C-alpha atoms as a PDB file:
ATOM      1  CA  MET A   1      26.892 -18.010 -23.788  1.00  0.00           C
ATOM      2  CA  VAL A   2      25.854 -21.441 -22.666  1.00  0.00           C
ATOM      3  CA  HIS A   3      22.618 -22.377 -24.191  1.00  0.00           C
ATOM      4  CA  GLN A   4      19.866 -23.242 -21.590  1.00  0.00           C
ATOM      5  CA  LEU A   5      19.430 -26.717 -23.155  1.00  0.00           C
ATOM      6  CA  LEU A   6      23.035 -27.486 -22.057  1.00  0.00           C
ATOM      7  CA  THR A   7      22.565 -26.671 -18.408  1.00  0.00           C
ATOM      8  CA  PRO A   8      21.031 -28.797 -15.889  1.00  0.00           C
ATOM      9  CA  SER A   9      17.272 -28.627 -15.224  1.00  0.00           C
ATOM     10  CA  GLN A  10      16.515 -26.133 -12.527  1.00  0.00           C
ATOM     11  CA  GLU A  11      12.878 -27.081 -11.689  1.00  0.00           C
ATOM     12  CA  ILE A  12      11.981 -26.236  -8.200  1.00  0.00           C
ATOM     13  CA  ARG A  13       8.731 -27.735  -6.490  1.00  0.00           C
ATOM     14  CA  THR A  14       7.274 -25.951  -3.434  1.00  0.00           C
ATOM     15  CA  ASP A  15       4.155 -27.068  -1.548  1.00  0.00           C
ATOM     16  CA  ARG A  16       1.933 -25.717  -4.160  1.00  0.00           C
ATOM     17  CA  LEU A  17       3.997 -24.376  -7.059  1.00  0.00           C
ATOM     18  CA  LEU A  18       6.203 -25.609  -9.911  1.00  0.00           C
ATOM     19  CA  LEU A  19       8.964 -23.096 -10.770  1.00  0.00           C
ATOM     20  CA  THR A  20      10.839 -23.702 -14.022  1.00  0.00           C
ATOM     21  CA  PRO A  21      13.316 -21.532 -16.004  1.00  0.00           C
ATOM     22  CA  LEU A  22      11.534 -19.141 -18.470  1.00  0.00           C
ATOM     23  CA  THR A  23      11.607 -20.250 -22.040  1.00  0.00           C
ATOM     24  CA  PRO A  24      10.465 -18.853 -25.328  1.00  0.00           C
ATOM     25  CA  ALA A  25       7.513 -21.272 -25.018  1.00  0.00           C
ATOM     26  CA  ASP A  26       6.291 -18.965 -22.024  1.00  0.00           C
ATOM     27  CA  ILE A  27       6.204 -15.772 -24.028  1.00  0.00           C
ATOM     28  CA  ASP A  28       2.419 -15.800 -24.714  1.00  0.00           C
ATOM     29  CA  ASP A  29       1.573 -16.385 -20.966  1.00  0.00           C
ATOM     30  CA  VAL A  30       4.175 -13.785 -19.954  1.00  0.00           C
ATOM     31  CA  HIS A  31       2.697 -11.270 -22.331  1.00  0.00           C
ATOM     32  CA  ALA A  32      -0.820 -11.900 -21.254  1.00  0.00           C
ATOM     33  CA  LEU A  33       0.206 -11.198 -17.675  1.00  0.00           C
ATOM     34  CA  PHE A  34       2.550  -8.281 -18.228  1.00  0.00           C
ATOM     35  CA  SER A  35      -0.008  -6.552 -20.493  1.00  0.00           C
ATOM     36  CA  ASP A  36      -2.768  -6.875 -17.914  1.00  0.00           C
ATOM     37  CA  ALA A  37      -3.433  -3.431 -16.481  1.00  0.00           C
ATOM     38  CA  ARG A  38      -4.472  -5.017 -13.235  1.00  0.00           C
ATOM     39  CA  THR A  39      -0.972  -6.335 -12.561  1.00  0.00           C
ATOM     40  CA  TRP A  40       0.492  -2.750 -12.892  1.00  0.00           C
ATOM     41  CA  GLN A  41      -1.778  -0.809 -10.578  1.00  0.00           C
ATOM     42  CA  HIS A  42       1.223   0.247  -8.560  1.00  0.00           C
ATOM     43  CA  LEU A  43       3.375   1.298 -11.550  1.00  0.00           C
ATOM     44  CA  PRO A  44       1.121   1.801 -14.552  1.00  0.00           C
ATOM     45  CA  THR A  45       4.004   2.837 -16.687  1.00  0.00           C
ATOM     46  CA  GLY A  46       5.622  -0.515 -16.464  1.00  0.00           C
ATOM     47  CA  ARG A  47       2.754  -2.448 -18.419  1.00  0.00           C
ATOM     48  CA  HIS A  48       3.741  -4.124 -21.550  1.00  0.00           C
ATOM     49  CA  VAL A  49       1.640  -2.638 -24.399  1.00  0.00           C
ATOM     50  CA  ALA A  50       3.677  -4.215 -27.151  1.00  0.00           C
ATOM     51  CA  ARG A  51       4.348  -7.973 -27.309  1.00  0.00           C
ATOM     52  CA  SER A  52       8.025  -7.196 -28.194  1.00  0.00           C
ATOM     53  CA  SER A  53       8.468  -5.978 -24.770  1.00  0.00           C
ATOM     54  CA  SER A  54       7.543  -9.478 -23.280  1.00  0.00           C
ATOM     55  CA  VAL A  55       9.776 -11.102 -25.843  1.00  0.00           C
ATOM     56  CA  ASP A  56      12.695  -8.922 -24.880  1.00  0.00           C
ATOM     57  CA  MET A  57      12.127  -9.472 -21.160  1.00  0.00           C
ATOM     58  CA  VAL A  58      11.959 -13.296 -21.555  1.00  0.00           C
ATOM     59  CA  GLN A  59      15.162 -13.351 -23.773  1.00  0.00           C
ATOM     60  CA  ARG A  60      17.059 -11.107 -21.087  1.00  0.00           C
ATOM     61  CA  LYS A  61      16.065 -13.413 -18.290  1.00  0.00           C
ATOM     62  CA  ILE A  62      17.029 -16.446 -20.249  1.00  0.00           C
ATOM     63  CA  GLY A  63      20.377 -14.727 -20.812  1.00  0.00           C
ATOM     64  CA  GLY A  64      20.858 -13.686 -17.168  1.00  0.00           C
ATOM     65  CA  ARG A  65      20.231 -17.421 -16.188  1.00  0.00           C
ATOM     66  CA  ALA A  66      22.808 -18.616 -18.567  1.00  0.00           C
ATOM     67  CA  ARG A  67      25.429 -15.933 -17.295  1.00  0.00           C
ATOM     68  CA  HIS A  68      24.743 -16.219 -13.509  1.00  0.00           C
ATOM     69  CA  GLY A  69      23.285 -19.687 -13.150  1.00  0.00           C
ATOM     70  CA  LEU A  70      19.780 -18.455 -11.894  1.00  0.00           C
ATOM     71  CA  GLY A  71      17.066 -16.343 -12.984  1.00  0.00           C
ATOM     72  CA  SER A  72      13.329 -15.760 -12.985  1.00  0.00           C
ATOM     73  CA  TRP A  73      11.026 -18.698 -13.236  1.00  0.00           C
ATOM     74  CA  ALA A  74       7.706 -19.414 -14.952  1.00  0.00           C
ATOM     75  CA  VAL A  75       5.486 -20.061 -11.944  1.00  0.00           C
ATOM     76  CA  ARG A  76       2.658 -22.857 -12.418  1.00  0.00           C
ATOM     77  CA  SER A  77       0.415 -24.660 -10.131  1.00  0.00           C
ATOM     78  CA  ALA A  78       1.853 -27.860  -9.111  1.00  0.00           C
ATOM     79  CA  SER A  79      -1.470 -29.518  -9.083  1.00  0.00           C
ATOM     80  CA  ASP A  80      -2.617 -28.701 -12.744  1.00  0.00           C
ATOM     81  CA  HIS A  81       0.389 -26.840 -14.258  1.00  0.00           C
ATOM     82  CA  ALA A  82      -1.679 -23.774 -14.933  1.00  0.00           C
ATOM     83  CA  PHE A  83       0.433 -20.521 -15.507  1.00  0.00           C
ATOM     84  CA  VAL A  84       0.350 -18.429 -12.239  1.00  0.00           C
ATOM     85  CA  GLY A  85       3.072 -15.895 -13.020  1.00  0.00           C
ATOM     86  CA  VAL A  86       6.699 -15.171 -13.179  1.00  0.00           C
ATOM     87  CA  GLY A  87       9.027 -14.736 -10.097  1.00  0.00           C
ATOM     88  CA  GLY A  88      12.543 -15.372  -8.666  1.00  0.00           C
ATOM     89  CA  VAL A  89      15.739 -13.471  -8.648  1.00  0.00           C
ATOM     90  CA  ASP A  90      17.805 -11.894 -11.450  1.00  0.00           C
ATOM     91  CA  MET A  91      21.255 -10.510 -11.357  1.00  0.00           C
ATOM     92  CA  THR A  92      21.411  -6.773 -11.670  1.00  0.00           C
ATOM     93  CA  ALA A  93      24.021  -4.379 -13.241  1.00  0.00           C
ATOM     94  CA  GLY A  94      24.645  -3.361  -9.529  1.00  0.00           C
ATOM     95  CA  GLY A  95      25.925  -6.925  -8.533  1.00  0.00           C
ATOM     96  CA  VAL A  96      22.990  -7.999  -6.406  1.00  0.00           C
ATOM     97  CA  TRP A  97      20.121 -10.438  -6.894  1.00  0.00           C
ATOM     98  CA  ASN A  98      16.851  -8.575  -7.494  1.00  0.00           C
ATOM     99  CA  LEU A  99      13.867 -10.521  -5.926  1.00  0.00           C
ATOM    100  CA  GLY A 100      10.621  -9.934  -7.897  1.00  0.00           C
ATOM    101  CA  TYR A 101       7.353 -11.416  -9.042  1.00  0.00           C
ATOM    102  CA  ARG A 102       4.253 -10.624 -10.982  1.00  0.00           C
ATOM    103  CA  LEU A 103       1.253 -12.908 -10.445  1.00  0.00           C
ATOM    104  CA  ALA A 104      -2.051 -13.275 -12.397  1.00  0.00           C
ATOM    105  CA  PRO A 105      -4.965 -11.549 -10.515  1.00  0.00           C
ATOM    106  CA  ALA A 106      -6.653 -14.980  -9.903  1.00  0.00           C
ATOM    107  CA  ALA A 107      -3.477 -16.022  -7.881  1.00  0.00           C
ATOM    108  CA  TRP A 108      -3.535 -12.960  -5.555  1.00  0.00           C
ATOM    109  CA  GLY A 109      -4.006 -13.327  -1.872  1.00  0.00           C
ATOM    110  CA  GLN A 110      -3.244 -17.025  -1.685  1.00  0.00           C
ATOM    111  CA  GLY A 111       0.445 -16.582  -0.329  1.00  0.00           C
ATOM    112  CA  PHE A 112       2.143 -17.571  -3.582  1.00  0.00           C
ATOM    113  CA  ALA A 113       4.350 -14.562  -3.648  1.00  0.00           C
ATOM    114  CA  SER A 114       5.887 -15.527  -0.309  1.00  0.00           C
ATOM    115  CA  GLU A 115       6.259 -19.131  -1.576  1.00  0.00           C
ATOM    116  CA  ILE A 116       8.218 -17.862  -4.609  1.00  0.00           C
ATOM    117  CA  ALA A 117      10.247 -15.349  -2.647  1.00  0.00           C
ATOM    118  CA  LEU A 118      11.407 -17.954  -0.076  1.00  0.00           C
ATOM    119  CA  ALA A 119      12.442 -20.453  -2.797  1.00  0.00           C
ATOM    120  CA  ALA A 120      14.104 -17.630  -4.647  1.00  0.00           C
ATOM    121  CA  VAL A 121      16.254 -16.535  -1.618  1.00  0.00           C
ATOM    122  CA  ARG A 122      17.269 -20.208  -0.986  1.00  0.00           C
ATOM    123  CA  ALA A 123      18.037 -20.729  -4.673  1.00  0.00           C
ATOM    124  CA  ALA A 124      20.199 -17.544  -4.634  1.00  0.00           C
ATOM    125  CA  ALA A 125      22.075 -18.604  -1.444  1.00  0.00           C
ATOM    126  CA  ASP A 126      22.755 -21.989  -3.179  1.00  0.00           C
ATOM    127  CA  THR A 127      24.031 -20.375  -6.440  1.00  0.00           C
ATOM    128  CA  ALA A 128      25.963 -17.391  -5.154  1.00  0.00           C
ATOM    129  CA  PRO A 129      26.030 -17.253  -1.325  1.00  0.00           C
ATOM    130  CA  ASP A 130      28.045 -14.130  -1.089  1.00  0.00           C
ATOM    131  CA  VAL A 131      25.696 -12.021  -3.309  1.00  0.00           C
ATOM    132  CA  PRO A 132      23.105 -10.065  -1.478  1.00  0.00           C
ATOM    133  CA  VAL A 133      19.372 -10.727  -2.342  1.00  0.00           C
ATOM    134  CA  THR A 134      17.581  -7.337  -2.657  1.00  0.00           C
ATOM    135  CA  GLY A 135      14.127  -6.123  -3.466  1.00  0.00           C
ATOM    136  CA  ARG A 136      12.707  -2.727  -4.667  1.00  0.00           C
ATOM    137  CA  VAL A 137       9.269  -1.619  -4.091  1.00  0.00           C
ATOM    138  CA  LEU A 138       7.125   1.399  -4.045  1.00  0.00           C
ATOM    139  CA  THR A 139       5.397   2.596  -0.929  1.00  0.00           C
ATOM    140  CA  ASN A 140       2.058   2.341  -2.642  1.00  0.00           C
ATOM    141  CA  ASN A 141       2.641  -1.471  -2.692  1.00  0.00           C
ATOM    142  CA  PRO A 142       2.774  -2.489   1.057  1.00  0.00           C
ATOM    143  CA  ALA A 143       1.862  -6.099   0.219  1.00  0.00           C
ATOM    144  CA  SER A 144       5.012  -6.613  -1.769  1.00  0.00           C
ATOM    145  CA  ALA A 145       7.023  -5.011   1.173  1.00  0.00           C
ATOM    146  CA  ALA A 146       5.475  -7.481   3.452  1.00  0.00           C
ATOM    147  CA  VAL A 147       6.532 -10.422   1.131  1.00  0.00           C
ATOM    148  CA  LEU A 148      10.069  -8.956   1.225  1.00  0.00           C
ATOM    149  CA  ARG A 149       9.932  -8.821   5.094  1.00  0.00           C
ATOM    150  CA  ARG A 150       8.730 -12.481   5.185  1.00  0.00           C
ATOM    151  CA  ALA A 151      11.501 -13.632   2.805  1.00  0.00           C
ATOM    152  CA  GLY A 152      13.972 -12.316   5.335  1.00  0.00           C
ATOM    153  CA  LEU A 153      14.911  -8.941   3.900  1.00  0.00           C
ATOM    154  CA  SER A 154      15.104  -5.553   5.800  1.00  0.00           C
ATOM    155  CA  LEU A 155      14.190  -2.104   4.766  1.00  0.00           C
ATOM    156  CA  VAL A 156      17.544  -0.196   4.299  1.00  0.00           C
ATOM    157  CA  TRP A 157      16.397   2.950   2.369  1.00  0.00           C
ATOM    158  CA  GLN A 158      13.253   4.923   1.383  1.00  0.00           C
ATOM    159  CA  GLY A 159      12.996   7.964  -0.645  1.00  0.00           C
ATOM    160  CA  ALA A 160      12.305   9.492  -4.153  1.00  0.00           C
ATOM    161  CA  PRO A 161      12.036   6.770  -6.640  1.00  0.00           C
ATOM    162  CA  ALA A 162      14.008   6.742  -9.955  1.00  0.00           C
ATOM    163  CA  PRO A 163      12.330   8.711 -12.763  1.00  0.00           C
ATOM    164  CA  GLN A 164      11.353   5.557 -14.426  1.00  0.00           C
ATOM    165  CA  ASN A 165       9.544   4.314 -11.412  1.00  0.00           C
ATOM    166  CA  ARG A 166       7.672   7.284 -10.403  1.00  0.00           C
ATOM    167  CA  ALA A 167       4.023   6.153  -9.930  1.00  0.00           C
ATOM    168  CA  ALA A 168       2.128   9.053  -8.364  1.00  0.00           C
ATOM    169  CA  ALA A 169       2.726  12.091  -6.058  1.00  0.00           C
ATOM    170  CA  GLY A 170       3.732  11.129  -2.615  1.00  0.00           C
ATOM    171  CA  VAL A 171       4.928   7.487  -3.560  1.00  0.00           C
ATOM    172  CA  GLU A 172       8.410   6.704  -2.564  1.00  0.00           C
ATOM    173  CA  GLY A 173      10.816   3.893  -3.510  1.00  0.00           C
ATOM    174  CA  GLN A 174      12.150   1.320  -1.005  1.00  0.00           C
ATOM    175  CA  VAL A 175      15.380  -0.789  -1.002  1.00  0.00           C
ATOM    176  CA  TRP A 176      15.306  -4.063   0.892  1.00  0.00           C
ATOM    177  CA  THR A 177      18.258  -6.491   1.399  1.00  0.00           C
ATOM    178  CA  ASP A 178      19.075  -9.716   3.221  1.00  0.00           C
ATOM    179  CA  ARG A 179      22.566  -8.292   4.353  1.00  0.00           C
ATOM    180  CA  LEU A 180      24.975  -5.482   4.504  1.00  0.00           C
ATOM    181  CA  LEU A 181      25.669  -3.908   1.114  1.00  0.00           C
ATOM    182  CA  SER A 182      28.737  -2.482  -0.272  1.00  0.00           C
ATOM    183  CA  ASP A 183      28.768   1.273  -0.976  1.00  0.00           C
ATOM    184  CA  GLU A 184      28.560   0.662  -4.636  1.00  0.00           C
ATOM    185  CA  GLN A 185      25.674  -1.830  -4.423  1.00  0.00           C
ATOM    186  CA  PHE A 186      23.671   0.551  -2.197  1.00  0.00           C
ATOM    187  CA  ALA A 187      24.184   3.510  -4.456  1.00  0.00           C
ATOM    188  CA  TRP A 188      23.121   1.516  -7.533  1.00  0.00           C
ATOM    189  CA  LEU A 189      20.019   0.274  -5.796  1.00  0.00           C
ATOM    190  CA  VAL A 190      18.971   3.812  -4.674  1.00  0.00           C
ATOM    191  CA  ALA A 191      19.641   5.151  -8.169  1.00  0.00           C
ATOM    192  CA  ASN A 192      17.397   2.383  -9.639  1.00  0.00           C
ATOM    193  CA  ALA A 193      14.744   2.250  -6.783  1.00  0.00           C
END
């Protein structure tokens, strides 16, 4: 595995955000975010109760970036570098980029998710143009579905979510993509929606 210090800097600036590769120095901010129940209102079982969950996630995202050339970012305000959240794309076992983000409640409603999503779709196209960008959301989270739509993705499936993603009765999973998927990619996404 190539150590991230040996890879070129992948800092991205948008109009209002600074997007930098996640590092171990981000673990405390990541854990504060991922342990905050408010950020898991659509999927309460996903909350990081133990700090080790956040450590493991950051390590996996660092490893994914080293293997695939792109991964989630620490998201900060461009003006004061305050931690806003985590977002970007990560390569999945299904061979597709997964677009995702989690923002601190103070950052909600300001369009940051769309700004992150658009930057992530562009970065994915630059890194691996033949790999689909996908997103998976639950129907109790229409705001995230709207972000996927604004980022250029289209809804291709809706149905019973995977057992680990069951949020509440009547909530379904959705799969979104920016292009046609292979049968294998589609099957993987549905099985993990």
